[in-house]
Amino acid sequence: MDFADFENLVATQRAVRKFDDRPVDDSDIEKVLKAATRAPNARNLQPWRFVVIRERETKGALGAIFDGLGQQMYPSGGPDRQAWADVPVLIAVCAEDAFGGGVGGATALAASVYPAVQNLLLAAHALGLGTVLTTRWKQREAEVRPILGLPENVIPFAIIPMGWPAEKLGRNRRKPVREVTFRERFDNPW
């Protein structure tokens, strides 16, 4: 892959919240997860764990938590999206607590998980699948844990709805680098 291909991949990856009814094959999910597991991680402990959710009842239970929080956060309505029960697959990205408690351990764990999440999102996009990273439900993590059957030492970080996009989306819109980058100090423009 040359840089232009990579640049196009990241420039066209979008948050997809509506999917058509085509199923997502296990082989495609496995490709996406394989890419996720190639991510850099602290001390190469590879703490990530993935829960692939297809059952309508489970997706609906997770969606009810997500929707309840959305109604609190966005009383006038948040982004238009498909009900999670109707999304082809959800992938919960979790991690075994490999670094112990405290800020340092939590930071190392997050620094190990989120590169895997990014690889997952980009791999899905490269296959033509749509995804969106969600963390809103973290406010009610205690309710999410038993739905996913998580042991105490496993921490959920993201739930990613995934499927074939219901509509074609264009390039993402981002601020120019010069507006978000500084040289040496925050008060010194790029």
Protein backbone atom coordinates (compact mmCIF):
# COMPACT_ATOMS: atom_id res chain seq x y z
CA MET A 1 0.00 0.00 0.00
CA ASP A 2 1.38 3.39 -0.84
CA PHE A 3 0.70 6.46 1.28
CA ALA A 4 -2.00 7.78 -1.07
CA ASP A 5 -4.02 4.56 -0.57
CA PHE A 6 -3.60 4.80 3.19
CA GLU A 7 -4.54 8.49 3.18
CA ASN A 8 -7.69 7.68 1.19
CA LEU A 9 -8.60 4.90 3.65
CA VAL A 10 -8.41 7.21 6.68
CA ALA A 11 -10.06 10.11 4.84
CA THR A 12 -13.09 8.03 3.89
CA GLN A 13 -13.55 6.10 7.15
CA ARG A 14 -16.73 7.44 8.76
CA ALA A 15 -18.98 6.79 11.71
CA VAL A 16 -21.70 4.59 10.21
CA ARG A 17 -24.89 4.33 12.25
CA LYS A 18 -27.29 2.77 9.72
CA PHE A 19 -26.81 -0.61 8.10
CA ASP A 20 -28.62 -2.66 5.50
CA ASP A 21 -29.93 -6.13 6.34
CA ARG A 22 -27.09 -8.16 4.80
CA PRO A 23 -25.39 -10.40 7.38
CA VAL A 24 -21.70 -10.04 8.13
CA ASP A 25 -19.84 -13.32 7.61
CA ASP A 26 -17.69 -14.76 10.37
CA SER A 27 -14.78 -14.74 7.92
CA ASP A 28 -15.04 -10.94 7.57
CA ILE A 29 -15.32 -10.52 11.34
CA GLU A 30 -12.25 -12.68 11.79
CA LYS A 31 -10.30 -10.56 9.29
CA VAL A 32 -11.24 -7.42 11.20
CA LEU A 33 -10.32 -8.97 14.55
CA LYS A 34 -7.02 -10.26 13.17
CA ALA A 35 -6.15 -6.70 12.14
CA ALA A 36 -7.15 -5.48 15.61
CA THR A 37 -4.79 -7.95 17.27
CA ARG A 38 -1.86 -6.61 15.22
CA ALA A 39 -1.99 -3.30 17.13
CA PRO A 40 0.87 -2.10 19.30
CA ASN A 41 0.33 -2.67 23.02
CA ALA A 42 2.15 -2.16 26.29
CA ARG A 43 4.80 -4.81 27.01
CA ASN A 44 3.25 -6.94 24.23
CA LEU A 45 0.79 -8.36 26.76
CA GLN A 46 -2.02 -8.27 24.18
CA PRO A 47 -4.73 -7.76 26.83
CA TRP A 48 -7.58 -7.18 24.38
CA ARG A 49 -10.56 -9.51 24.32
CA PHE A 50 -13.48 -9.31 21.86
CA VAL A 51 -17.09 -10.33 22.36
CA VAL A 52 -18.95 -10.74 19.04
CA ILE A 53 -22.67 -10.24 19.60
CA ARG A 54 -25.27 -11.36 17.09
CA GLU A 55 -28.25 -12.35 19.29
CA ARG A 56 -31.08 -9.86 18.90
CA GLU A 57 -32.01 -10.02 22.58
CA THR A 58 -28.47 -9.22 23.73
CA LYS A 59 -28.08 -6.42 21.19
CA GLY A 60 -31.44 -5.03 22.30
CA ALA A 61 -30.47 -5.07 25.98
CA LEU A 62 -27.24 -3.21 25.24
CA GLY A 63 -29.12 -0.83 22.95
CA ALA A 64 -31.65 -0.01 25.69
CA ILE A 65 -28.80 1.14 27.94
CA PHE A 66 -27.25 3.13 25.11
CA ASP A 67 -30.61 4.72 24.18
CA GLY A 68 -31.49 5.58 27.78
CA LEU A 69 -28.26 7.50 28.18
CA GLY A 70 -28.73 9.12 24.79
CA GLN A 71 -32.11 10.50 25.84
CA GLN A 72 -30.46 12.06 28.89
CA MET A 73 -27.52 13.47 26.93
CA TYR A 74 -29.44 14.62 23.85
CA PRO A 75 -32.98 15.58 24.90
CA SER A 76 -33.64 17.08 21.47
CA GLY A 77 -32.23 14.00 19.74
CA GLY A 78 -28.72 12.74 19.00
CA PRO A 79 -27.33 11.44 15.73
CA ASP A 80 -29.83 9.47 13.68
CA ARG A 81 -29.04 5.79 13.98
CA GLN A 82 -30.37 2.30 13.74
CA ALA A 83 -31.58 0.43 16.83
CA TRP A 84 -28.83 -1.88 18.04
CA ALA A 85 -31.18 -4.89 17.99
CA ASP A 86 -31.32 -4.44 14.19
CA VAL A 87 -27.58 -3.96 13.64
CA PRO A 88 -26.01 -7.10 12.12
CA VAL A 89 -23.26 -7.42 14.72
CA LEU A 90 -21.89 -5.63 17.78
CA ILE A 91 -18.29 -6.13 18.86
CA ALA A 92 -17.46 -5.36 22.48
CA VAL A 93 -13.77 -4.57 22.86
CA CYS A 94 -12.57 -5.44 26.33
CA ALA A 95 -9.27 -6.07 28.05
CA GLU A 96 -7.96 -8.24 30.82
CA ASP A 97 -6.62 -5.99 33.55
CA ALA A 98 -2.98 -6.89 32.95
CA PHE A 99 -1.43 -3.83 34.62
CA GLY A 100 -3.13 -3.59 38.01
CA GLY A 101 -5.06 -0.69 39.40
CA GLY A 102 -4.16 2.94 39.57
CA VAL A 103 -3.74 5.61 36.96
CA GLY A 104 -0.62 4.07 35.41
CA GLY A 105 -2.24 0.68 34.93
CA ALA A 106 -5.46 2.15 33.56
CA THR A 107 -3.48 4.32 31.14
CA ALA A 108 -1.37 1.38 29.91
CA LEU A 109 -4.51 -0.69 29.42
CA ALA A 110 -6.28 2.05 27.43
CA ALA A 111 -3.10 2.67 25.43
CA SER A 112 -3.14 -1.03 24.52
CA VAL A 113 -6.84 -1.27 23.66
CA TYR A 114 -7.54 1.84 21.59
CA PRO A 115 -4.89 1.13 18.92
CA ALA A 116 -6.64 -2.26 18.47
CA VAL A 117 -9.98 -0.44 18.17
CA GLN A 118 -8.56 1.86 15.48
CA ASN A 119 -7.15 -1.11 13.55
CA LEU A 120 -10.58 -2.78 13.79
CA LEU A 121 -12.36 0.31 12.46
CA LEU A 122 -9.95 0.75 9.56
CA ALA A 123 -9.95 -2.94 8.64
CA ALA A 124 -13.75 -2.99 8.60
CA HIS A 125 -13.75 0.07 6.34
CA ALA A 126 -11.20 -1.53 4.01
CA LEU A 127 -13.61 -4.47 3.63
CA GLY A 128 -16.51 -2.10 2.88
CA LEU A 129 -18.11 -2.52 6.31
CA GLY A 130 -19.33 0.40 8.38
CA THR A 131 -18.63 0.89 12.09
CA VAL A 132 -18.98 3.43 14.84
CA LEU A 133 -17.04 3.58 18.11
CA THR A 134 -19.31 3.95 21.17
CA THR A 135 -18.46 4.54 24.81
CA ARG A 136 -21.59 6.32 26.09
CA TRP A 137 -22.75 3.10 27.80
CA LYS A 138 -19.64 3.23 30.08
CA GLN A 139 -21.71 5.37 32.46
CA ARG A 140 -23.78 2.23 33.11
CA GLU A 141 -20.97 -0.29 32.86
CA ALA A 142 -22.28 -2.20 35.89
CA GLU A 143 -25.38 -3.08 33.84
CA VAL A 144 -23.40 -3.92 30.70
CA ARG A 145 -21.01 -6.34 32.41
CA PRO A 146 -23.52 -9.12 33.20
CA ILE A 147 -25.11 -8.82 29.74
CA LEU A 148 -21.69 -9.60 28.25
CA GLY A 149 -20.83 -12.17 30.94
CA LEU A 150 -17.59 -10.39 31.81
CA PRO A 151 -15.45 -11.70 34.65
CA GLU A 152 -14.24 -9.17 37.24
CA ASN A 153 -10.77 -8.84 35.71
CA VAL A 154 -12.11 -7.91 32.24
CA ILE A 155 -12.88 -4.27 31.50
CA PRO A 156 -15.09 -3.19 28.58
CA PHE A 157 -13.77 -0.23 26.58
CA ALA A 158 -15.89 0.07 23.43
CA ILE A 159 -18.92 -1.40 21.75
CA ILE A 160 -18.76 -1.20 17.98
CA PRO A 161 -21.87 -1.64 15.84
CA MET A 162 -20.83 -3.12 12.50
CA GLY A 163 -22.53 -3.97 9.22
CA TRP A 164 -22.83 -3.08 5.57
CA PRO A 165 -23.60 0.67 5.31
CA ALA A 166 -27.17 1.50 4.33
CA GLU A 167 -25.96 4.57 2.43
CA LYS A 168 -22.76 5.79 0.84
CA LEU A 169 -20.99 8.46 2.84
CA GLY A 170 -18.36 10.83 1.44
CA ARG A 171 -15.02 11.82 2.87
CA ASN A 172 -14.85 12.83 6.49
CA ARG A 173 -14.50 16.52 7.30
CA ARG A 174 -11.62 17.50 9.52
CA LYS A 175 -9.99 20.74 10.56
CA PRO A 176 -6.68 21.52 8.84
CA VAL A 177 -3.58 20.34 10.68
CA ARG A 178 -2.45 23.96 11.19
CA GLU A 179 -5.59 24.63 13.29
CA VAL A 180 -4.95 21.78 15.72
CA THR A 181 -1.15 21.58 15.89
CA PHE A 182 1.42 23.59 17.81
CA ARG A 183 5.20 23.72 17.84
CA GLU A 184 6.95 23.04 21.14
CA ARG A 185 4.28 24.84 23.23
CA PHE A 186 0.53 25.25 22.96
CA ASP A 187 0.89 28.99 22.32
CA ASN A 188 3.23 28.52 19.34
CA PRO A 189 1.30 27.83 16.08
CA TRP A 190 2.44 25.19 13.62
